[in-house]
Amino acid sequence: MKVTVVGGGIAGLTCALSLHAAGFEPRVYEAARKVEAVGVGINLLPHAVRELSELGLDGELASVALSPHRLSYRDRAGKVLWEEPLGRAAGYHWPQYSVHRGRLQMLLLAAVRERLGPDSVRTGLLFQRFEQTSRGVRSHFLDRSNGLPVVDHADVLVGADGIDSAVRAQLFPNEGPPKGNGVHMWRGVAPHPHVLEGRSIVVAGGTPGAKFVAYPIEDPATAAGDALVNWVLEVRHPSAPPPEGPGRRVTTAEARAGLSPWKLPRIDLATLAERSSAIFEYPMLDRDPLPRWSFGRVTLLGDAAHPMFPMGMNGGSQSIVDTRVLAWCLAREDDPVAALRRYDRMRRPAVNAIVLANRNLGPEEIIARAEEHGGVLPAGWAERIATRYKRLGRATVAQVNSGSSWTVRAIAADRE
């Protein structure tokens, strides 16, 4: 079975690896002329790390990522509100990873080209539209290098082209732009001395628009050395519309001024601003949950299907799980249309619930409620919030450790 994957980001590349592992023939089409190691930090939760490990990427992932051991929620003055262990420290069989998004993407790209061949990812091809029949899908692209059309024929088309997905736009032409909540994120990466013991994620503040996040995305050379730290400052522009696309550059002076009201022990905020090679502003955006992702031989995954506010470190992780379930469903069903329907039923309701939960702050409800409460929440309250959110994403220790594998080899055995 031939599968066209639109989008060469983390979701699209992982989709290609998942489909190839299941015995299919995917080809990735990416609009950018070159896939480059750009971006800032991303967290991969244990349920996503499990899936990448089952794809044989555990060693490569460990070589470019850092495994955080603790999540620390704090108020604006740095006082601890609640903490929990992460990854193996929490009892998962797999670690959690913090990693530079660009490094992760390049790791996935190298794996795709090694396993599927050097021509498996075609760049500089802008998706324009698709047509499908009962026997296949014809996808039309524009070659950005010469302006000529390119047509691809496949059995299935997967839209993995992000929050502004062109595939989704053809399926839902009247949807309109993404939705903002008035919050913008200033994001940077900078070398900084150890924060706490060097393996902690710090989330400080309260409600969206009054929050600061910092975590290392690589190990320092020595215990006293600097580590590359990803940081995010949320600011609110209630009267301003989202900018035309993400990425307004924030000056160092502007960043220092925005960070100056924050007093967080052990984090030199001025140093973070000054050492960041570039600081960019991104609007916090999502889209309303869709009533369906699959239409015949065409489906969506990742941010094309379920863009969500960045609460709970869940967006990228859910995209990775999407790819594994999609490959599993295609292997289970003889009819690709039935397989895409099955994938839709299995993934869409659960992930749509996470999108809505993130609009209600997800696990970061803990710091918002603590701010309202005036300090540490009563015993058990924070843990109930965190556990409820994990259960929603089937990401508790018990759910991840005992969950069935999506690896297709087990399915082949079932069919014999």
Protein backbone atom coordinates (compact mmCIF):
# COMPACT_ATOMS: atom_id res chain seq x y z
CA MET A 1 0.00 0.00 0.00
CA LYS A 2 1.32 3.43 -0.98
CA VAL A 3 0.72 6.32 1.42
CA THR A 4 1.31 10.01 0.74
CA VAL A 5 2.22 11.98 3.87
CA VAL A 6 1.91 15.76 3.60
CA GLY A 7 4.27 17.46 6.04
CA GLY A 8 7.85 16.70 7.04
CA GLY A 9 7.68 17.75 10.68
CA ILE A 10 7.83 15.49 13.72
CA ALA A 11 4.36 14.05 13.04
CA GLY A 12 4.92 13.44 9.34
CA LEU A 13 8.35 11.84 9.77
CA THR A 14 7.20 9.62 12.63
CA CYS A 15 4.20 8.65 10.50
CA ALA A 16 6.53 7.55 7.70
CA LEU A 17 8.58 5.44 10.13
CA SER A 18 5.45 3.88 11.63
CA LEU A 19 3.98 3.04 8.23
CA HIS A 20 7.25 1.61 6.97
CA ALA A 21 7.59 -0.55 10.09
CA ALA A 22 4.09 -1.88 9.37
CA GLY A 23 5.09 -2.89 5.84
CA PHE A 24 3.66 0.02 3.86
CA GLU A 25 5.26 2.38 1.32
CA PRO A 26 5.05 5.98 2.56
CA ARG A 27 6.47 9.05 0.87
CA VAL A 28 6.73 12.41 2.62
CA TYR A 29 6.14 15.73 0.85
CA GLU A 30 7.41 18.87 2.60
CA ALA A 31 6.79 22.46 1.48
CA ALA A 32 10.07 23.83 2.86
CA ARG A 33 12.95 23.70 0.42
CA LYS A 34 15.17 22.17 3.10
CA VAL A 35 14.45 20.49 6.43
CA GLU A 36 16.56 22.33 9.01
CA ALA A 37 17.19 21.99 12.75
CA VAL A 38 15.14 24.98 13.86
CA GLY A 39 12.83 25.62 16.78
CA VAL A 40 13.05 25.47 20.55
CA GLY A 41 12.39 22.82 23.20
CA ILE A 42 9.79 20.08 23.25
CA ASN A 43 8.90 17.46 25.84
CA LEU A 44 8.12 13.86 24.97
CA LEU A 45 6.06 12.08 27.63
CA PRO A 46 6.70 8.40 28.45
CA HIS A 47 3.81 7.14 26.31
CA ALA A 48 5.40 8.83 23.26
CA VAL A 49 8.92 7.69 24.19
CA ARG A 50 7.58 4.14 24.36
CA GLU A 51 6.37 4.44 20.76
CA LEU A 52 9.67 5.86 19.50
CA SER A 53 11.53 3.13 21.37
CA GLU A 54 9.41 0.45 19.71
CA LEU A 55 10.40 2.03 16.39
CA GLY A 56 14.03 1.36 17.36
CA LEU A 57 14.97 4.96 18.13
CA ASP A 58 15.67 4.71 21.84
CA GLY A 59 19.45 4.92 21.52
CA GLU A 60 19.41 7.85 19.09
CA LEU A 61 16.86 9.68 21.21
CA ALA A 62 18.89 9.26 24.40
CA SER A 63 21.93 10.72 22.61
CA VAL A 64 20.25 14.06 21.78
CA ALA A 65 17.77 14.52 24.65
CA LEU A 66 17.78 14.98 28.41
CA SER A 67 15.61 12.96 30.78
CA PRO A 68 14.03 15.26 33.40
CA HIS A 69 13.32 13.74 36.80
CA ARG A 70 11.03 16.31 38.39
CA LEU A 71 8.25 18.78 37.58
CA SER A 72 8.19 21.74 39.97
CA TYR A 73 5.20 24.10 40.07
CA ARG A 74 6.01 27.41 41.76
CA ASP A 75 4.48 30.81 42.37
CA ARG A 76 5.83 34.05 40.94
CA ALA A 77 8.31 34.36 43.83
CA GLY A 78 9.65 30.84 43.31
CA LYS A 79 7.89 29.19 46.26
CA VAL A 80 7.14 25.52 45.65
CA LEU A 81 3.43 24.84 45.18
CA TRP A 82 3.58 21.20 44.14
CA GLU A 83 6.12 18.76 42.70
CA GLU A 84 5.99 15.34 41.12
CA PRO A 85 8.58 12.88 39.73
CA LEU A 86 8.79 12.31 35.99
CA GLY A 87 9.62 9.42 33.70
CA ARG A 88 11.47 6.51 35.28
CA ALA A 89 11.59 8.37 38.60
CA ALA A 90 7.78 8.17 38.63
CA GLY A 91 7.75 4.43 37.88
CA TYR A 92 7.32 4.48 34.09
CA HIS A 93 9.22 1.83 32.13
CA TRP A 94 10.29 4.58 29.73
CA PRO A 95 11.82 7.99 30.43
CA GLN A 96 10.40 11.40 29.67
CA TYR A 97 12.61 13.47 27.38
CA SER A 98 13.25 17.17 26.91
CA VAL A 99 14.88 17.85 23.57
CA HIS A 100 15.53 20.60 21.04
CA ARG A 101 12.77 20.30 18.45
CA GLY A 102 15.22 20.74 15.58
CA ARG A 103 17.49 17.96 16.84
CA LEU A 104 14.53 15.62 17.17
CA GLN A 105 13.36 16.43 13.66
CA MET A 106 16.81 15.80 12.19
CA LEU A 107 17.03 12.49 14.06
CA LEU A 108 13.71 11.42 12.56
CA LEU A 109 14.69 12.65 9.10
CA ALA A 110 17.92 10.65 9.19
CA ALA A 111 16.02 7.53 10.26
CA VAL A 112 13.45 7.94 7.48
CA ARG A 113 16.10 8.37 4.79
CA GLU A 114 18.15 5.45 6.10
CA ARG A 115 15.20 3.05 6.30
CA LEU A 116 13.04 4.23 3.38
CA GLY A 117 15.69 5.58 1.03
CA PRO A 118 17.18 9.01 0.22
CA ASP A 119 14.20 10.02 -1.93
CA SER A 120 11.56 9.17 0.66
CA VAL A 121 11.27 12.81 1.77
CA ARG A 122 10.71 15.26 -1.07
CA THR A 123 11.17 18.91 -0.18
CA GLY A 124 10.10 22.16 -1.80
CA LEU A 125 6.72 20.72 -2.82
CA LEU A 126 3.72 22.77 -1.70
CA PHE A 127 0.48 20.81 -1.32
CA GLN A 128 -2.41 22.33 -3.26
CA ARG A 129 -5.32 19.88 -3.40
CA PHE A 130 -6.34 16.24 -3.63
CA GLU A 131 -8.90 14.20 -5.54
CA GLN A 132 -9.96 10.73 -4.49
CA THR A 133 -11.82 7.84 -6.06
CA SER A 134 -12.81 4.44 -4.77
CA ARG A 135 -9.39 3.16 -5.84
CA GLY A 136 -6.96 5.84 -4.69
CA VAL A 137 -6.00 9.46 -4.07
CA ARG A 138 -4.34 11.89 -6.46
CA SER A 139 -2.46 14.72 -4.72
CA HIS A 140 -1.35 17.90 -6.47
CA PHE A 141 1.76 19.82 -5.44
CA LEU A 142 3.59 22.90 -6.69
CA ASP A 143 7.35 22.50 -7.12
CA ARG A 144 8.71 25.66 -5.52
CA SER A 145 12.02 25.37 -7.38
CA ASN A 146 10.54 25.75 -10.86
CA GLY A 147 6.83 26.51 -10.46
CA LEU A 148 5.78 23.28 -12.16
CA PRO A 149 2.98 20.97 -10.98
CA VAL A 150 3.72 17.57 -9.46
CA VAL A 151 1.08 14.86 -9.15
CA ASP A 152 1.30 11.94 -6.74
CA HIS A 153 -0.86 8.78 -6.77
CA ALA A 154 -1.35 6.71 -3.62
CA ASP A 155 -3.82 4.47 -1.83
CA VAL A 156 -4.06 6.78 1.21
CA LEU A 157 -3.35 10.47 1.90
CA VAL A 158 -2.34 11.63 5.39
CA GLY A 159 -2.42 15.32 6.27
CA ALA A 160 0.35 15.93 8.82
CA ASP A 161 0.93 19.54 7.79
CA GLY A 162 0.38 21.37 11.06
CA ILE A 163 -2.05 23.87 12.52
CA ASP A 164 -2.52 25.62 9.14
CA SER A 165 -2.98 22.32 7.33
CA ALA A 166 -3.89 22.65 3.66
CA VAL A 167 -5.34 19.13 3.71
CA ARG A 168 -7.62 20.05 6.61
CA ALA A 169 -8.61 23.27 4.81
CA GLN A 170 -9.86 21.24 1.83
CA LEU A 171 -11.85 18.96 4.15
CA PHE A 172 -13.25 21.91 6.16
CA PRO A 173 -13.15 24.91 3.80
CA ASN A 174 -15.25 27.19 6.02
CA GLU A 175 -13.34 26.66 9.26
CA GLY A 176 -11.36 29.91 9.27
CA PRO A 177 -8.10 30.74 11.07
CA PRO A 178 -6.85 29.24 14.36
CA LYS A 179 -8.27 30.59 17.61
CA GLY A 180 -6.19 32.62 20.07
CA ASN A 181 -6.72 33.31 23.75
CA GLY A 182 -4.86 36.62 23.87
CA VAL A 183 -1.69 35.02 25.23
CA HIS A 184 1.64 35.23 23.41
CA MET A 185 4.72 33.18 24.24
CA TRP A 186 8.23 34.60 24.19
CA ARG A 187 10.47 31.61 23.58
CA GLY A 188 14.23 31.31 23.70
CA VAL A 189 17.06 28.82 24.23
CA ALA A 190 20.19 29.82 26.13
CA PRO A 191 23.15 28.28 27.99
CA HIS A 192 22.54 28.64 31.73
CA PRO A 193 23.95 27.12 34.93
CA HIS A 194 22.06 24.20 36.46
CA VAL A 195 18.46 24.90 37.47
CA LEU A 196 17.90 22.98 40.71
CA GLU A 197 19.72 19.67 40.19
CA GLY A 198 19.81 20.12 36.41
CA ARG A 199 16.94 17.74 35.59
CA SER A 200 13.88 19.72 36.60
CA ILE A 201 11.08 21.38 34.65
CA VAL A 202 10.04 24.59 36.39
CA VAL A 203 6.58 26.05 35.73
CA ALA A 204 5.93 29.25 37.68
CA GLY A 205 3.11 31.76 37.92
CA GLY A 206 -0.61 31.23 37.66
CA THR A 207 -3.11 31.74 34.85
CA PRO A 208 -2.16 31.88 31.15
CA GLY A 209 -0.47 35.16 30.35
CA ALA A 210 1.24 35.17 33.75
CA LYS A 211 3.48 32.13 33.53
CA PHE A 212 7.17 31.28 33.11
CA VAL A 213 8.59 27.89 32.10
CA ALA A 214 12.20 26.70 32.03
CA TYR A 215 13.84 23.33 31.52
CA PRO A 216 17.20 22.02 30.24
CA ILE A 217 17.30 20.25 26.89
CA GLU A 218 20.83 18.85 27.13
CA ASP A 219 23.26 17.66 29.77
CA PRO A 220 26.05 20.05 30.77
CA ALA A 221 29.61 18.88 30.36
CA THR A 222 30.19 19.03 34.14
CA ALA A 223 28.03 19.38 37.25
CA ALA A 224 29.06 23.04 37.49
CA GLY A 225 28.77 23.75 33.77
CA ASP A 226 26.11 25.40 31.68
CA ALA A 227 23.25 23.50 30.11
CA LEU A 228 21.14 24.54 27.15
CA VAL A 229 17.88 25.74 28.70
CA ASN A 230 14.56 26.22 26.93
CA TRP A 231 12.50 29.04 28.43
CA VAL A 232 9.06 30.53 27.82
CA LEU A 233 7.51 33.71 29.14
CA GLU A 234 3.81 34.21 28.58
CA VAL A 235 2.52 37.73 28.03
CA ARG A 236 -1.02 38.87 27.39
CA HIS A 237 -2.12 41.24 24.62
CA PRO A 238 -5.90 41.26 25.14
CA SER A 239 -6.60 43.99 22.60
CA ALA A 240 -4.15 42.87 19.92
CA PRO A 241 -4.98 40.22 17.31
CA PRO A 242 -2.49 37.40 16.74
CA PRO A 243 0.34 38.47 14.42
CA GLU A 244 0.33 37.28 10.82
CA GLY A 245 2.03 33.99 11.49
CA PRO A 246 4.28 33.12 14.43
CA GLY A 247 7.78 34.35 14.90
CA ARG A 248 7.96 38.09 15.66
CA ARG A 249 11.48 38.68 16.93
CA VAL A 250 11.68 39.98 20.50
CA THR A 251 14.66 42.20 21.33
CA THR A 252 16.92 41.41 24.27
CA ALA A 253 15.92 44.67 25.95
CA GLU A 254 12.24 43.85 25.51
CA ALA A 255 12.77 40.37 26.95
CA ARG A 256 14.69 41.71 29.95
CA ALA A 257 11.91 44.19 30.66
CA GLY A 258 9.27 41.47 30.42
CA LEU A 259 11.22 39.17 32.73
CA SER A 260 12.17 41.86 35.26
CA PRO A 261 9.03 41.51 37.50
CA TRP A 262 9.80 37.82 38.02
CA LYS A 263 12.01 36.81 40.95
CA LEU A 264 12.80 33.12 40.72
CA PRO A 265 15.62 31.79 42.91
CA ARG A 266 18.34 29.87 41.04
CA ILE A 267 17.23 31.14 37.62
CA ASP A 268 19.06 34.20 36.32
CA LEU A 269 16.37 35.59 34.03
CA ALA A 270 18.54 38.43 32.72
CA THR A 271 21.18 35.88 31.70
CA LEU A 272 18.59 33.83 29.85
CA ALA A 273 17.52 36.90 27.88
CA GLU A 274 21.07 38.03 27.10
CA ARG A 275 22.41 34.61 26.11
CA SER A 276 19.52 33.64 23.84
CA SER A 277 20.68 33.85 20.25
CA ALA A 278 17.12 34.66 19.20
CA ILE A 279 13.84 35.20 21.05
CA PHE A 280 10.60 34.85 19.15
CA GLU A 281 6.99 35.57 19.99
CA TYR A 282 4.34 32.99 19.14
CA PRO A 283 0.61 33.43 19.71
CA MET A 284 -1.03 30.69 21.76
CA LEU A 285 -3.43 29.11 19.27
CA ASP A 286 -5.61 26.07 18.83
CA ARG A 287 -8.63 25.02 16.76
CA ASP A 288 -12.04 23.67 17.69
CA PRO A 289 -12.21 19.86 17.84
CA LEU A 290 -13.36 18.30 14.58
CA PRO A 291 -16.39 15.99 14.18
CA ARG A 292 -14.27 13.66 12.02
CA TRP A 293 -10.70 13.32 10.74
CA SER A 294 -11.14 10.63 8.07
CA PHE A 295 -12.89 11.05 4.74
CA GLY A 296 -12.64 7.95 2.58
CA ARG A 297 -8.94 7.46 1.88
CA VAL A 298 -7.86 10.78 3.43
CA THR A 299 -7.15 11.45 7.10
CA LEU A 300 -5.41 13.87 9.46
CA LEU A 301 -2.99 13.49 12.34
CA GLY A 302 -0.89 15.62 14.67
CA ASP A 303 -1.49 19.37 14.71
CA ALA A 304 -3.42 19.09 11.46
CA ALA A 305 -6.02 17.07 13.38
CA HIS A 306 -5.83 18.45 16.92
CA PRO A 307 -3.78 21.62 17.49
CA MET A 308 -3.90 22.38 21.20
CA PHE A 309 -2.75 24.97 23.70
CA PRO A 310 0.66 23.96 25.14
CA MET A 311 -0.55 22.72 28.52
CA GLY A 312 0.65 19.46 30.00
CA MET A 313 3.49 18.98 27.46
CA ASN A 314 1.13 16.83 25.39
CA GLY A 315 0.85 18.08 21.80
CA GLY A 316 3.90 16.42 20.26
CA SER A 317 3.41 13.25 22.29
CA GLN A 318 -0.17 12.79 21.06
CA SER A 319 0.99 13.27 17.48
CA ILE A 320 3.47 10.42 17.85
CA VAL A 321 0.79 8.12 19.26
CA ASP A 322 -1.47 9.08 16.31
CA THR A 323 1.07 7.71 13.85
CA ARG A 324 1.40 4.38 15.60
CA VAL A 325 -2.36 3.86 15.88
CA LEU A 326 -2.83 4.81 12.23
CA ALA A 327 -0.27 2.23 11.08
CA TRP A 328 -1.84 -0.38 13.38
CA CYS A 329 -5.30 0.25 11.93
CA LEU A 330 -4.08 0.05 8.34
CA ALA A 331 -2.42 -3.27 9.17
CA ARG A 332 -5.57 -4.59 10.87
CA GLU A 333 -7.99 -3.86 8.02
CA ASP A 334 -7.94 -5.08 4.44
CA ASP A 335 -9.89 -1.99 3.33
CA PRO A 336 -8.01 1.32 3.86
CA VAL A 337 -11.29 3.23 4.13
CA ALA A 338 -12.38 1.00 7.01
CA ALA A 339 -8.92 1.37 8.56
CA LEU A 340 -9.12 5.17 8.53
CA ARG A 341 -12.59 5.03 10.05
CA ARG A 342 -11.23 2.80 12.79
CA TYR A 343 -8.30 5.14 13.44
CA ASP A 344 -10.75 8.05 13.64
CA ARG A 345 -12.91 6.25 16.21
CA MET A 346 -9.93 5.23 18.31
CA ARG A 347 -8.06 8.52 18.42
CA ARG A 348 -10.34 11.49 17.73
CA PRO A 349 -12.67 11.45 20.77
CA ALA A 350 -9.80 10.98 23.21
CA VAL A 351 -7.57 13.67 21.72
CA ASN A 352 -10.46 16.09 21.26
CA ALA A 353 -11.03 15.78 25.02
CA ILE A 354 -7.40 16.77 25.61
CA VAL A 355 -7.80 19.83 23.35
CA LEU A 356 -10.74 20.98 25.48
CA ALA A 357 -8.94 20.12 28.73
CA ASN A 358 -5.99 22.27 27.64
CA ARG A 359 -8.35 25.19 27.12
CA ASN A 360 -9.17 24.71 30.80
CA LEU A 361 -5.44 24.78 31.68
CA GLY A 362 -4.84 21.03 31.78
CA PRO A 363 -2.60 20.08 34.73
CA GLU A 364 -1.52 23.72 35.03
CA GLU A 365 -4.85 24.28 36.71
CA ILE A 366 -2.75 23.49 39.80
CA ILE A 367 -0.87 26.80 39.74
CA ALA A 368 -3.98 28.76 38.74
CA ARG A 369 -5.93 27.34 41.69
CA ALA A 370 -2.96 27.92 44.01
CA GLU A 371 -2.86 31.56 42.92
CA GLU A 372 -6.57 31.90 43.72
CA HIS A 373 -6.09 30.04 47.00
CA GLY A 374 -3.17 32.24 48.02
CA GLY A 375 -0.63 29.44 48.36
CA VAL A 376 -0.19 25.69 48.49
CA LEU A 377 -3.43 23.81 47.78
CA PRO A 378 -5.05 21.58 50.43
CA ALA A 379 -3.67 18.04 50.62
CA GLY A 380 -4.53 15.85 47.64
CA TRP A 381 -6.02 18.60 45.46
CA ALA A 382 -3.02 19.04 43.16
CA GLU A 383 -2.50 15.31 42.79
CA ARG A 384 -6.16 14.81 41.81
CA ILE A 385 -5.84 17.46 39.08
CA ALA A 386 -2.64 15.91 37.71
CA THR A 387 -4.00 12.35 37.82
CA ARG A 388 -7.27 13.31 36.14
CA TYR A 389 -5.33 14.85 33.25
CA LYS A 390 -3.04 11.83 32.86
CA ARG A 391 -6.03 9.47 32.77
CA LEU A 392 -7.62 11.58 30.04
CA GLY A 393 -4.60 10.97 27.82
CA ARG A 394 -4.18 7.34 28.93
CA ALA A 395 -0.81 8.36 30.33
CA THR A 396 -0.81 7.21 33.95
CA VAL A 397 2.03 4.89 34.98
CA ALA A 398 -0.31 1.89 34.98
CA GLN A 399 -1.86 2.76 31.60
CA VAL A 400 1.49 3.24 29.86
CA ASN A 401 3.35 0.34 31.45
CA SER A 402 0.57 -2.21 30.93
CA GLY A 403 -0.86 -0.92 27.66
CA SER A 404 -0.82 -3.16 24.58
CA SER A 405 1.84 -2.54 21.98
CA TRP A 406 0.94 -0.91 18.66
CA THR A 407 3.78 -2.78 16.99
CA VAL A 408 2.38 -4.55 13.95
CA ARG A 409 4.39 -7.78 14.44
CA ALA A 410 1.95 -8.69 17.25
CA ILE A 411 -0.96 -8.20 14.85
CA ALA A 412 0.56 -10.51 12.25
CA ALA A 413 0.71 -13.20 14.91
CA ASP A 414 -2.95 -12.62 15.74
CA ARG A 415 -3.94 -13.23 12.11
CA GLU A 416 -2.19 -16.59 11.82
